[in-house]
N, C-alpha and C. Protein backbone atom coordinates (compact mmCIF):
# COMPACT_ATOMS: atom_id res chain seq x y z
N MET A 1 6.48 23.14 -14.46
CA MET A 1 6.65 21.70 -14.55
C MET A 1 5.31 21.00 -14.45
N ASP A 2 5.23 19.85 -15.10
CA ASP A 2 4.02 19.03 -15.10
C ASP A 2 4.37 17.69 -14.46
N VAL A 3 3.67 17.34 -13.38
CA VAL A 3 3.92 16.06 -12.73
C VAL A 3 3.02 14.99 -13.33
N GLY A 4 3.51 13.75 -13.33
CA GLY A 4 2.72 12.69 -13.92
C GLY A 4 3.10 11.34 -13.35
N LEU A 5 2.60 10.29 -14.01
CA LEU A 5 2.87 8.92 -13.55
C LEU A 5 3.85 8.19 -14.46
N LYS A 6 3.78 8.43 -15.76
CA LYS A 6 4.72 7.78 -16.67
C LYS A 6 6.14 8.28 -16.38
N VAL A 7 6.28 9.62 -16.34
CA VAL A 7 7.50 10.24 -15.81
C VAL A 7 7.07 11.04 -14.59
N PHE A 8 7.96 11.18 -13.61
CA PHE A 8 7.58 11.89 -12.40
C PHE A 8 7.26 13.35 -12.69
N LEU A 9 8.11 13.99 -13.52
CA LEU A 9 7.81 15.35 -13.95
C LEU A 9 8.48 15.63 -15.29
N ALA A 10 7.88 16.57 -16.00
CA ALA A 10 8.47 17.09 -17.24
C ALA A 10 8.46 18.60 -17.12
N ASP A 11 9.54 19.25 -17.56
CA ASP A 11 9.56 20.71 -17.46
C ASP A 11 9.45 21.36 -18.84
N SER A 12 9.30 22.66 -18.85
CA SER A 12 9.06 23.39 -20.09
C SER A 12 10.29 23.47 -20.98
N ASN A 13 11.45 23.03 -20.47
CA ASN A 13 12.65 22.98 -21.30
C ASN A 13 12.81 21.62 -21.98
N GLY A 14 11.85 20.74 -21.76
CA GLY A 14 11.88 19.42 -22.39
C GLY A 14 12.59 18.36 -21.58
N GLU A 15 13.04 18.69 -20.37
CA GLU A 15 13.71 17.70 -19.52
C GLU A 15 12.68 16.91 -18.71
N THR A 16 12.97 15.65 -18.46
CA THR A 16 12.06 14.82 -17.67
C THR A 16 12.82 14.15 -16.53
N VAL A 17 12.09 13.81 -15.48
CA VAL A 17 12.63 13.06 -14.34
C VAL A 17 11.84 11.77 -14.27
N GLU A 18 12.53 10.65 -14.34
CA GLU A 18 11.87 9.35 -14.32
C GLU A 18 11.14 9.11 -13.00
N ASN A 19 10.04 8.39 -13.08
CA ASN A 19 9.28 8.04 -11.89
C ASN A 19 9.92 6.81 -11.25
N PRO A 20 10.45 6.91 -10.03
CA PRO A 20 11.17 5.77 -9.42
C PRO A 20 10.26 4.61 -8.99
N ARG A 21 8.98 4.89 -8.76
CA ARG A 21 8.00 3.85 -8.38
C ARG A 21 8.53 2.97 -7.24
N HIS A 22 8.88 3.58 -6.13
CA HIS A 22 9.47 2.84 -5.01
C HIS A 22 8.56 1.73 -4.48
N TYR A 23 7.28 2.06 -4.30
CA TYR A 23 6.35 1.04 -3.77
C TYR A 23 6.16 -0.09 -4.77
N ARG A 24 5.97 0.26 -6.04
CA ARG A 24 5.75 -0.75 -7.08
C ARG A 24 6.93 -1.72 -7.16
N ARG A 25 8.14 -1.20 -7.06
CA ARG A 25 9.33 -2.05 -7.17
C ARG A 25 9.54 -2.93 -5.96
N SER A 26 9.00 -2.52 -4.82
CA SER A 26 9.19 -3.29 -3.58
C SER A 26 7.98 -4.15 -3.25
N ARG A 27 6.97 -4.12 -4.13
CA ARG A 27 5.70 -4.78 -3.81
C ARG A 27 5.83 -6.30 -3.64
N LYS A 28 6.64 -6.94 -4.49
CA LYS A 28 6.80 -8.40 -4.37
C LYS A 28 7.43 -8.79 -3.05
N ARG A 29 8.48 -8.07 -2.67
CA ARG A 29 9.17 -8.34 -1.41
C ARG A 29 8.23 -8.09 -0.23
N LEU A 30 7.46 -7.00 -0.31
CA LEU A 30 6.53 -6.65 0.76
C LEU A 30 5.43 -7.71 0.88
N ARG A 31 4.91 -8.17 -0.25
CA ARG A 31 3.85 -9.17 -0.24
C ARG A 31 4.34 -10.48 0.38
N ARG A 32 5.58 -10.85 0.05
CA ARG A 32 6.15 -12.08 0.60
C ARG A 32 6.27 -12.00 2.12
N LYS A 33 6.70 -10.84 2.61
CA LYS A 33 6.86 -10.67 4.07
C LYS A 33 5.50 -10.59 4.76
N GLN A 34 4.51 -10.02 4.10
CA GLN A 34 3.17 -9.94 4.69
C GLN A 34 2.53 -11.33 4.77
N ARG A 35 2.78 -12.15 3.76
CA ARG A 35 2.28 -13.53 3.80
C ARG A 35 2.93 -14.31 4.94
N ALA A 36 4.23 -14.11 5.12
CA ALA A 36 4.94 -14.77 6.22
C ALA A 36 4.35 -14.35 7.56
N LEU A 37 4.00 -13.07 7.67
CA LEU A 37 3.39 -12.54 8.90
C LEU A 37 2.05 -13.22 9.17
N CYS A 38 1.24 -13.38 8.12
CA CYS A 38 -0.08 -13.99 8.29
C CYS A 38 -0.01 -15.46 8.71
N ARG A 39 1.07 -16.13 8.35
CA ARG A 39 1.22 -17.55 8.71
C ARG A 39 1.62 -17.75 10.17
N ARG A 40 2.16 -16.73 10.79
CA ARG A 40 2.65 -16.86 12.17
C ARG A 40 1.49 -16.81 13.17
N GLU A 41 1.68 -17.54 14.23
CA GLU A 41 0.64 -17.60 15.28
C GLU A 41 0.60 -16.28 16.05
N LYS A 42 -0.61 -15.79 16.28
CA LYS A 42 -0.79 -14.53 16.99
C LYS A 42 -0.19 -14.62 18.39
N GLY A 43 0.57 -13.54 18.75
CA GLY A 43 1.17 -13.49 20.07
C GLY A 43 2.53 -14.16 20.16
N SER A 44 2.95 -14.84 19.10
CA SER A 44 4.24 -15.55 19.14
C SER A 44 5.40 -14.61 18.84
N LYS A 45 6.60 -15.06 19.24
CA LYS A 45 7.80 -14.27 18.98
C LYS A 45 8.08 -14.20 17.47
N ARG A 46 7.79 -15.29 16.78
CA ARG A 46 8.03 -15.32 15.34
C ARG A 46 7.11 -14.33 14.61
N ARG A 47 5.90 -14.16 15.13
CA ARG A 47 4.99 -13.20 14.52
C ARG A 47 5.50 -11.77 14.73
N LYS A 48 6.00 -11.50 15.92
CA LYS A 48 6.55 -10.17 16.21
C LYS A 48 7.75 -9.87 15.31
N LYS A 49 8.58 -10.90 15.10
CA LYS A 49 9.74 -10.74 14.22
C LYS A 49 9.30 -10.48 12.78
N ALA A 50 8.28 -11.21 12.32
CA ALA A 50 7.76 -11.02 10.97
C ALA A 50 7.13 -9.62 10.81
N ALA A 51 6.47 -9.16 11.87
CA ALA A 51 5.86 -7.82 11.83
C ALA A 51 6.94 -6.74 11.72
N ARG A 52 8.07 -6.97 12.42
CA ARG A 52 9.18 -6.02 12.33
C ARG A 52 9.75 -5.99 10.90
N GLU A 53 9.81 -7.15 10.25
CA GLU A 53 10.32 -7.22 8.87
C GLU A 53 9.42 -6.45 7.91
N VAL A 54 8.11 -6.56 8.09
CA VAL A 54 7.15 -5.82 7.26
C VAL A 54 7.32 -4.32 7.49
N ALA A 55 7.44 -3.95 8.78
CA ALA A 55 7.59 -2.52 9.12
C ALA A 55 8.89 -1.96 8.54
N LYS A 56 9.96 -2.76 8.57
CA LYS A 56 11.25 -2.30 8.02
C LYS A 56 11.16 -2.07 6.51
N THR A 57 10.41 -2.92 5.83
CA THR A 57 10.24 -2.75 4.38
C THR A 57 9.45 -1.48 4.07
N HIS A 58 8.38 -1.25 4.83
CA HIS A 58 7.60 -0.01 4.67
C HIS A 58 8.46 1.22 4.94
N LEU A 59 9.29 1.14 5.98
CA LEU A 59 10.16 2.25 6.34
C LEU A 59 11.19 2.54 5.24
N LYS A 60 11.74 1.47 4.66
CA LYS A 60 12.71 1.64 3.59
C LYS A 60 12.08 2.34 2.38
N ILE A 61 10.86 1.93 2.02
CA ILE A 61 10.15 2.55 0.89
C ILE A 61 9.92 4.03 1.17
N ALA A 62 9.48 4.34 2.39
CA ALA A 62 9.21 5.73 2.76
C ALA A 62 10.48 6.57 2.71
N ARG A 63 11.60 6.01 3.17
CA ARG A 63 12.87 6.74 3.16
C ARG A 63 13.38 6.95 1.74
N GLN A 64 13.24 5.94 0.89
CA GLN A 64 13.65 6.08 -0.51
C GLN A 64 12.85 7.18 -1.20
N ARG A 65 11.54 7.19 -0.97
CA ARG A 65 10.66 8.20 -1.57
C ARG A 65 11.03 9.60 -1.08
N LYS A 66 11.24 9.71 0.23
CA LYS A 66 11.59 11.01 0.82
C LYS A 66 12.91 11.53 0.25
N ASP A 67 13.89 10.66 0.13
CA ASP A 67 15.19 11.04 -0.41
C ASP A 67 15.07 11.53 -1.85
N PHE A 68 14.31 10.81 -2.66
CA PHE A 68 14.10 11.19 -4.05
C PHE A 68 13.42 12.55 -4.16
N LEU A 69 12.36 12.76 -3.37
CA LEU A 69 11.63 14.03 -3.42
C LEU A 69 12.51 15.21 -3.00
N HIS A 70 13.29 15.02 -1.94
CA HIS A 70 14.18 16.08 -1.46
C HIS A 70 15.22 16.44 -2.53
N LYS A 71 15.84 15.43 -3.11
CA LYS A 71 16.89 15.68 -4.10
C LYS A 71 16.34 16.35 -5.36
N THR A 72 15.16 15.91 -5.80
CA THR A 72 14.55 16.49 -7.00
C THR A 72 14.15 17.94 -6.75
N ALA A 73 13.53 18.20 -5.60
CA ALA A 73 13.12 19.57 -5.25
C ALA A 73 14.34 20.48 -5.13
N ARG A 74 15.39 20.00 -4.48
CA ARG A 74 16.61 20.79 -4.30
C ARG A 74 17.22 21.14 -5.65
N ARG A 75 17.24 20.17 -6.55
CA ARG A 75 17.85 20.40 -7.87
C ARG A 75 17.15 21.53 -8.62
N TYR A 76 15.83 21.55 -8.57
CA TYR A 76 15.09 22.59 -9.30
C TYR A 76 15.17 23.93 -8.60
N VAL A 77 15.15 23.92 -7.28
CA VAL A 77 15.24 25.20 -6.54
C VAL A 77 16.59 25.86 -6.76
N GLU A 78 17.65 25.06 -6.86
CA GLU A 78 18.98 25.61 -7.08
C GLU A 78 19.15 26.17 -8.50
N ARG A 79 18.38 25.66 -9.44
CA ARG A 79 18.52 26.08 -10.84
C ARG A 79 17.62 27.24 -11.23
N TYR A 80 16.48 27.41 -10.56
CA TYR A 80 15.49 28.39 -11.00
C TYR A 80 15.02 29.29 -9.86
N GLY A 81 14.77 30.55 -10.19
CA GLY A 81 14.25 31.51 -9.21
C GLY A 81 12.74 31.46 -9.11
N THR A 82 12.08 31.02 -10.19
CA THR A 82 10.62 30.89 -10.21
C THR A 82 10.25 29.53 -10.78
N ILE A 83 9.45 28.80 -10.04
CA ILE A 83 8.99 27.49 -10.48
C ILE A 83 7.47 27.50 -10.50
N ILE A 84 6.91 27.08 -11.62
CA ILE A 84 5.45 27.11 -11.78
C ILE A 84 4.94 25.68 -11.88
N VAL A 85 3.97 25.35 -11.02
CA VAL A 85 3.39 23.99 -10.99
C VAL A 85 1.87 24.09 -11.01
N GLU A 86 1.24 22.95 -11.27
CA GLU A 86 -0.22 22.89 -11.24
C GLU A 86 -0.73 22.80 -9.80
N ASP A 87 -1.89 23.38 -9.56
CA ASP A 87 -2.54 23.29 -8.25
C ASP A 87 -3.46 22.07 -8.29
N LEU A 88 -2.87 20.89 -8.13
CA LEU A 88 -3.63 19.64 -8.26
C LEU A 88 -4.36 19.28 -6.97
N LYS A 89 -5.57 18.76 -7.12
CA LYS A 89 -6.33 18.24 -5.98
C LYS A 89 -6.02 16.74 -5.88
N VAL A 90 -4.88 16.45 -5.29
CA VAL A 90 -4.37 15.08 -5.28
C VAL A 90 -5.30 14.14 -4.54
N ALA A 91 -5.92 14.59 -3.45
CA ALA A 91 -6.82 13.72 -2.67
C ALA A 91 -7.99 13.26 -3.54
N ASN A 92 -8.52 14.15 -4.36
CA ASN A 92 -9.62 13.77 -5.25
C ASN A 92 -9.15 12.83 -6.35
N MET A 93 -7.96 13.09 -6.89
CA MET A 93 -7.42 12.25 -7.96
C MET A 93 -7.14 10.84 -7.46
N ALA A 94 -6.75 10.73 -6.20
CA ALA A 94 -6.40 9.42 -5.62
C ALA A 94 -7.63 8.53 -5.39
N LYS A 95 -8.81 9.09 -5.56
CA LYS A 95 -10.04 8.30 -5.42
C LYS A 95 -10.26 7.40 -6.63
N THR A 96 -9.54 7.68 -7.73
CA THR A 96 -9.61 6.82 -8.91
C THR A 96 -8.97 5.48 -8.55
N HIS A 97 -9.77 4.43 -8.51
CA HIS A 97 -9.34 3.14 -7.95
C HIS A 97 -8.07 2.59 -8.62
N HIS A 98 -8.02 2.56 -9.95
CA HIS A 98 -6.89 1.92 -10.63
C HIS A 98 -5.62 2.77 -10.66
N LEU A 99 -5.73 4.06 -10.23
CA LEU A 99 -4.55 4.93 -10.22
C LEU A 99 -4.10 5.32 -8.81
N SER A 100 -4.91 5.01 -7.82
CA SER A 100 -4.65 5.53 -6.46
C SER A 100 -3.29 5.11 -5.91
N ALA A 101 -2.91 3.83 -6.10
CA ALA A 101 -1.62 3.36 -5.56
C ALA A 101 -0.46 4.11 -6.22
N SER A 102 -0.55 4.31 -7.53
CA SER A 102 0.52 5.00 -8.26
C SER A 102 0.60 6.46 -7.86
N ILE A 103 -0.56 7.09 -7.64
CA ILE A 103 -0.59 8.51 -7.24
C ILE A 103 0.01 8.68 -5.85
N HIS A 104 -0.36 7.79 -4.93
CA HIS A 104 0.22 7.87 -3.58
C HIS A 104 1.72 7.59 -3.61
N ASP A 105 2.13 6.66 -4.47
CA ASP A 105 3.54 6.32 -4.59
C ASP A 105 4.35 7.50 -5.12
N ALA A 106 3.77 8.26 -6.05
CA ALA A 106 4.47 9.43 -6.63
C ALA A 106 4.59 10.58 -5.63
N SER A 107 3.64 10.72 -4.71
CA SER A 107 3.67 11.76 -3.66
C SER A 107 3.79 13.18 -4.23
N TRP A 108 2.91 13.53 -5.17
CA TRP A 108 2.96 14.86 -5.78
C TRP A 108 2.76 15.98 -4.75
N ALA A 109 1.78 15.79 -3.86
CA ALA A 109 1.48 16.85 -2.88
C ALA A 109 2.69 17.10 -1.98
N ARG A 110 3.34 16.04 -1.54
CA ARG A 110 4.53 16.17 -0.69
C ARG A 110 5.66 16.86 -1.45
N PHE A 111 5.78 16.54 -2.73
CA PHE A 111 6.82 17.15 -3.55
C PHE A 111 6.61 18.67 -3.67
N VAL A 112 5.38 19.10 -3.93
CA VAL A 112 5.10 20.54 -4.05
C VAL A 112 5.34 21.24 -2.72
N GLU A 113 5.00 20.55 -1.62
CA GLU A 113 5.25 21.07 -0.27
C GLU A 113 6.75 21.32 -0.06
N LEU A 114 7.55 20.31 -0.38
CA LEU A 114 9.00 20.43 -0.24
C LEU A 114 9.56 21.50 -1.16
N LEU A 115 9.04 21.57 -2.36
CA LEU A 115 9.47 22.57 -3.33
C LEU A 115 9.24 23.97 -2.77
N GLY A 116 8.07 24.16 -2.16
CA GLY A 116 7.74 25.46 -1.58
C GLY A 116 8.64 25.84 -0.41
N SER A 117 8.89 24.87 0.48
CA SER A 117 9.72 25.18 1.66
C SER A 117 11.17 25.43 1.26
N LYS A 118 11.69 24.66 0.32
CA LYS A 118 13.07 24.85 -0.12
C LYS A 118 13.22 26.16 -0.90
N ALA A 119 12.20 26.49 -1.68
CA ALA A 119 12.23 27.74 -2.44
C ALA A 119 12.22 28.94 -1.50
N GLU A 120 11.45 28.85 -0.44
CA GLU A 120 11.38 29.94 0.54
C GLU A 120 12.74 30.15 1.20
N GLU A 121 13.41 29.06 1.55
CA GLU A 121 14.74 29.14 2.17
C GLU A 121 15.75 29.77 1.21
N ALA A 122 15.59 29.47 -0.08
CA ALA A 122 16.55 29.96 -1.08
C ALA A 122 16.18 31.33 -1.63
N GLY A 123 15.03 31.88 -1.21
CA GLY A 123 14.61 33.18 -1.73
C GLY A 123 13.97 33.09 -3.10
N SER A 124 13.55 31.87 -3.49
CA SER A 124 12.87 31.67 -4.76
C SER A 124 11.37 31.71 -4.52
N ARG A 125 10.61 31.40 -5.55
CA ARG A 125 9.17 31.33 -5.37
C ARG A 125 8.59 30.19 -6.19
N VAL A 126 7.50 29.62 -5.67
CA VAL A 126 6.75 28.57 -6.36
C VAL A 126 5.36 29.11 -6.61
N VAL A 127 4.94 29.10 -7.85
CA VAL A 127 3.62 29.60 -8.24
C VAL A 127 2.77 28.42 -8.66
N GLN A 128 1.53 28.37 -8.17
CA GLN A 128 0.60 27.31 -8.55
C GLN A 128 -0.46 27.88 -9.48
N VAL A 129 -0.77 27.13 -10.53
CA VAL A 129 -1.78 27.56 -11.50
C VAL A 129 -2.87 26.49 -11.60
N ALA A 130 -4.05 26.92 -12.04
CA ALA A 130 -5.16 25.98 -12.24
C ALA A 130 -4.81 24.99 -13.34
N PRO A 131 -5.08 23.71 -13.14
CA PRO A 131 -4.69 22.70 -14.13
C PRO A 131 -5.61 22.60 -15.35
N ARG A 132 -6.64 23.41 -15.41
CA ARG A 132 -7.63 23.28 -16.48
C ARG A 132 -7.03 23.46 -17.88
N PHE A 133 -7.23 22.46 -18.71
CA PHE A 133 -6.83 22.45 -20.13
C PHE A 133 -5.31 22.46 -20.36
N THR A 134 -4.50 22.32 -19.33
CA THR A 134 -3.05 22.37 -19.55
C THR A 134 -2.57 21.19 -20.39
N THR A 135 -3.25 20.05 -20.27
CA THR A 135 -2.87 18.88 -21.05
C THR A 135 -3.47 18.91 -22.45
N GLN A 136 -4.67 19.44 -22.56
CA GLN A 136 -5.39 19.38 -23.84
C GLN A 136 -5.01 20.51 -24.80
N ALA A 137 -4.64 21.66 -24.29
CA ALA A 137 -4.35 22.80 -25.16
C ALA A 137 -2.99 22.66 -25.84
N CYS A 138 -2.90 23.17 -27.06
CA CYS A 138 -1.62 23.19 -27.78
C CYS A 138 -0.80 24.37 -27.28
N SER A 139 0.42 24.13 -26.86
CA SER A 139 1.26 25.21 -26.33
C SER A 139 1.76 26.13 -27.44
N ASN A 140 1.60 25.71 -28.69
CA ASN A 140 2.06 26.52 -29.81
C ASN A 140 0.99 27.49 -30.32
N CYS A 141 -0.27 26.98 -30.45
CA CYS A 141 -1.32 27.84 -31.00
C CYS A 141 -2.53 28.01 -30.08
N GLY A 142 -2.62 27.22 -29.01
CA GLY A 142 -3.73 27.35 -28.07
C GLY A 142 -4.95 26.51 -28.39
N GLN A 143 -4.94 25.82 -29.51
CA GLN A 143 -6.07 24.98 -29.92
C GLN A 143 -6.22 23.80 -28.96
N LEU A 144 -7.48 23.49 -28.57
CA LEU A 144 -7.73 22.35 -27.69
C LEU A 144 -7.68 21.06 -28.51
N VAL A 145 -6.87 20.11 -28.05
CA VAL A 145 -6.73 18.82 -28.71
C VAL A 145 -7.03 17.73 -27.68
N PRO A 146 -8.30 17.30 -27.59
CA PRO A 146 -8.67 16.28 -26.60
C PRO A 146 -7.88 14.99 -26.82
N LYS A 147 -7.42 14.38 -25.72
CA LYS A 147 -6.68 13.12 -25.81
C LYS A 147 -6.87 12.32 -24.52
N SER A 148 -6.85 11.01 -24.65
CA SER A 148 -6.99 10.15 -23.48
C SER A 148 -5.64 10.03 -22.78
N LEU A 149 -5.64 9.41 -21.59
CA LEU A 149 -4.40 9.24 -20.82
C LEU A 149 -3.39 8.36 -21.54
N SER A 150 -3.88 7.46 -22.38
CA SER A 150 -2.98 6.54 -23.07
C SER A 150 -2.20 7.21 -24.20
N VAL A 151 -2.67 8.37 -24.67
CA VAL A 151 -1.99 9.08 -25.76
C VAL A 151 -0.86 9.91 -25.17
N ARG A 152 0.39 9.56 -25.47
CA ARG A 152 1.54 10.20 -24.84
C ARG A 152 2.19 11.28 -25.69
N THR A 153 1.71 11.49 -26.92
CA THR A 153 2.28 12.52 -27.79
C THR A 153 1.20 13.52 -28.17
N HIS A 154 1.50 14.80 -28.02
CA HIS A 154 0.57 15.85 -28.43
C HIS A 154 0.80 16.16 -29.90
N ILE A 155 -0.26 16.00 -30.71
CA ILE A 155 -0.20 16.34 -32.13
C ILE A 155 -1.36 17.31 -32.40
N CYS A 156 -1.02 18.56 -32.69
CA CYS A 156 -2.05 19.58 -32.90
C CYS A 156 -2.67 19.42 -34.29
N THR A 157 -3.99 19.33 -34.32
CA THR A 157 -4.71 19.20 -35.59
C THR A 157 -4.84 20.54 -36.30
N SER A 158 -4.53 21.62 -35.58
CA SER A 158 -4.66 22.95 -36.17
C SER A 158 -3.35 23.44 -36.80
N CYS A 159 -2.24 23.41 -36.01
CA CYS A 159 -0.97 23.94 -36.52
C CYS A 159 0.06 22.86 -36.83
N GLY A 160 -0.25 21.60 -36.47
CA GLY A 160 0.67 20.50 -36.77
C GLY A 160 1.80 20.34 -35.77
N TYR A 161 1.78 21.09 -34.67
CA TYR A 161 2.83 21.03 -33.65
C TYR A 161 2.84 19.66 -32.98
N VAL A 162 4.02 19.04 -32.88
CA VAL A 162 4.17 17.72 -32.25
C VAL A 162 5.13 17.84 -31.07
N GLU A 163 4.69 17.34 -29.91
CA GLU A 163 5.51 17.43 -28.70
C GLU A 163 5.10 16.33 -27.74
N ASP A 164 5.99 15.95 -26.86
CA ASP A 164 5.64 15.02 -25.79
C ASP A 164 4.48 15.61 -25.00
N ARG A 165 3.52 14.79 -24.64
CA ARG A 165 2.31 15.26 -23.95
C ARG A 165 2.64 16.06 -22.68
N ASP A 166 3.58 15.54 -21.86
CA ASP A 166 3.90 16.18 -20.59
C ASP A 166 4.69 17.48 -20.78
N VAL A 167 5.57 17.52 -21.77
CA VAL A 167 6.32 18.74 -22.05
C VAL A 167 5.39 19.83 -22.57
N ASN A 168 4.43 19.45 -23.42
CA ASN A 168 3.43 20.40 -23.92
C ASN A 168 2.64 20.99 -22.76
N ALA A 169 2.25 20.12 -21.80
CA ALA A 169 1.52 20.59 -20.62
C ALA A 169 2.37 21.54 -19.79
N ALA A 170 3.67 21.23 -19.64
CA ALA A 170 4.58 22.09 -18.86
C ALA A 170 4.69 23.47 -19.49
N LYS A 171 4.70 23.53 -20.82
CA LYS A 171 4.77 24.83 -21.50
C LYS A 171 3.49 25.63 -21.29
N ASN A 172 2.35 24.94 -21.26
CA ASN A 172 1.08 25.62 -20.96
C ASN A 172 1.05 26.12 -19.52
N ILE A 173 1.61 25.33 -18.60
CA ILE A 173 1.67 25.73 -17.19
C ILE A 173 2.56 26.97 -17.05
N LEU A 174 3.67 27.00 -17.78
CA LEU A 174 4.56 28.17 -17.75
C LEU A 174 3.82 29.42 -18.20
N ARG A 175 3.08 29.30 -19.31
CA ARG A 175 2.34 30.45 -19.83
C ARG A 175 1.29 30.93 -18.82
N ALA A 176 0.56 29.97 -18.21
CA ALA A 176 -0.46 30.33 -17.23
C ALA A 176 0.15 30.97 -15.99
N GLY A 177 1.34 30.51 -15.61
CA GLY A 177 2.01 31.05 -14.42
C GLY A 177 2.55 32.45 -14.61
N MET A 178 2.67 32.88 -15.83
CA MET A 178 3.14 34.24 -16.10
C MET A 178 2.05 35.28 -15.85
N GLN A 179 0.80 34.81 -15.68
CA GLN A 179 -0.31 35.72 -15.41
C GLN A 179 -0.20 36.22 -13.97
N PRO A 180 -0.42 37.52 -13.73
CA PRO A 180 -0.27 38.08 -12.38
C PRO A 180 -1.29 37.59 -11.37
N SER A 181 -2.38 36.95 -11.83
CA SER A 181 -3.44 36.53 -10.91
C SER A 181 -3.08 35.26 -10.14
N GLU A 182 -2.08 34.52 -10.62
CA GLU A 182 -1.75 33.26 -9.96
C GLU A 182 -1.01 33.52 -8.65
N ARG A 183 -1.14 32.57 -7.71
CA ARG A 183 -0.62 32.81 -6.36
C ARG A 183 0.76 32.21 -6.14
N ASN A 184 1.52 32.90 -5.32
CA ASN A 184 2.85 32.45 -4.94
C ASN A 184 2.70 31.65 -3.65
N VAL A 185 2.90 30.34 -3.70
CA VAL A 185 2.63 29.51 -2.52
C VAL A 185 3.64 29.70 -1.41
N THR A 186 4.80 30.22 -1.71
CA THR A 186 5.80 30.38 -0.64
C THR A 186 5.57 31.68 0.14
N GLY A 187 4.84 32.61 -0.45
CA GLY A 187 4.54 33.84 0.25
C GLY A 187 5.68 34.82 0.31
N CYS A 188 6.81 34.54 -0.33
CA CYS A 188 7.94 35.46 -0.27
C CYS A 188 7.82 36.53 -1.35
N ARG A 189 8.50 37.65 -1.15
CA ARG A 189 8.39 38.73 -2.11
C ARG A 189 9.07 38.34 -3.43
N GLU A 190 8.62 38.97 -4.48
CA GLU A 190 9.14 38.64 -5.80
C GLU A 190 10.53 39.22 -5.99
N ARG A 191 11.33 38.53 -6.78
CA ARG A 191 12.66 38.99 -7.08
C ARG A 191 13.05 38.46 -8.44
N ALA A 192 14.13 38.96 -8.98
CA ALA A 192 14.60 38.47 -10.27
C ALA A 192 15.09 37.04 -10.12
N PRO A 193 14.68 36.12 -11.01
CA PRO A 193 15.13 34.74 -10.89
C PRO A 193 16.62 34.59 -11.15
N ARG A 194 17.24 33.55 -10.51
CA ARG A 194 18.65 33.29 -10.75
C ARG A 194 18.89 32.79 -12.15
N SER A 195 17.88 32.09 -12.69
CA SER A 195 18.02 31.55 -14.03
C SER A 195 16.72 31.78 -14.76
N ARG A 196 16.56 31.17 -15.91
CA ARG A 196 15.32 31.35 -16.66
C ARG A 196 14.15 30.72 -15.95
N LEU A 197 12.95 31.17 -16.33
CA LEU A 197 11.75 30.63 -15.73
C LEU A 197 11.58 29.18 -16.12
N LEU A 198 10.89 28.41 -15.26
CA LEU A 198 10.60 27.03 -15.58
C LEU A 198 9.10 26.86 -15.58
C-alpha cells in the first residue's frame, strides 16, 4: 500500500481509502474557540471554561483520528496475511512547511505502528520497503517517469501504461516487498497469507 495526502492510502489492487482530514475539517470550529479563549481575562472562570472547550475540540479530533486509523488497520490485517508498506521518514517529511499540518493530520507513522501491532496479534506480517523511485517508476515496465506532486496520473512514456499515481506506486511497493532483503517489522515468523499479497 502507498500512503498519501490526496487519498489516505491506495493499494496494489486499485482500492483507495479517502483521507478524512479530521484536523482540517475541524479547523474553523477550533479557531473560533481559540479566539474566544484569547478574549477572556487571564485567571477568570470564563477563561478556564473557554480553555476546556478548546481542549475538548482537540480531544475529539484525536479520538476521531485514532478510531479511523484503528478501523483501517484492522480491515487490512483481517484481509491479508502480508502487507507491504513504504519505510517513510515522516519526521523529515513533516519539516516541509506547507505540508506539515496535512502530514501530521494523516498520522502515517501511527498507522504503520498500529498495522504492525495488529498484524502481530493476527499472525500476519508487515514488511517495510525503501520508498526510492516507487512513485516515479512505471509498475508495468520499470521505466522512470519523473512527475511533480500535482500530477495525479502515471502515464509511461515508454510503454504507454496509464494508472492512478498512488496505485502505480502501490504496485511498485508490492514488487519491492517481494524481495527477501526487506524487513518484517512485526518480527513474527513467516507463514502462508490468508489471502493474496497486498
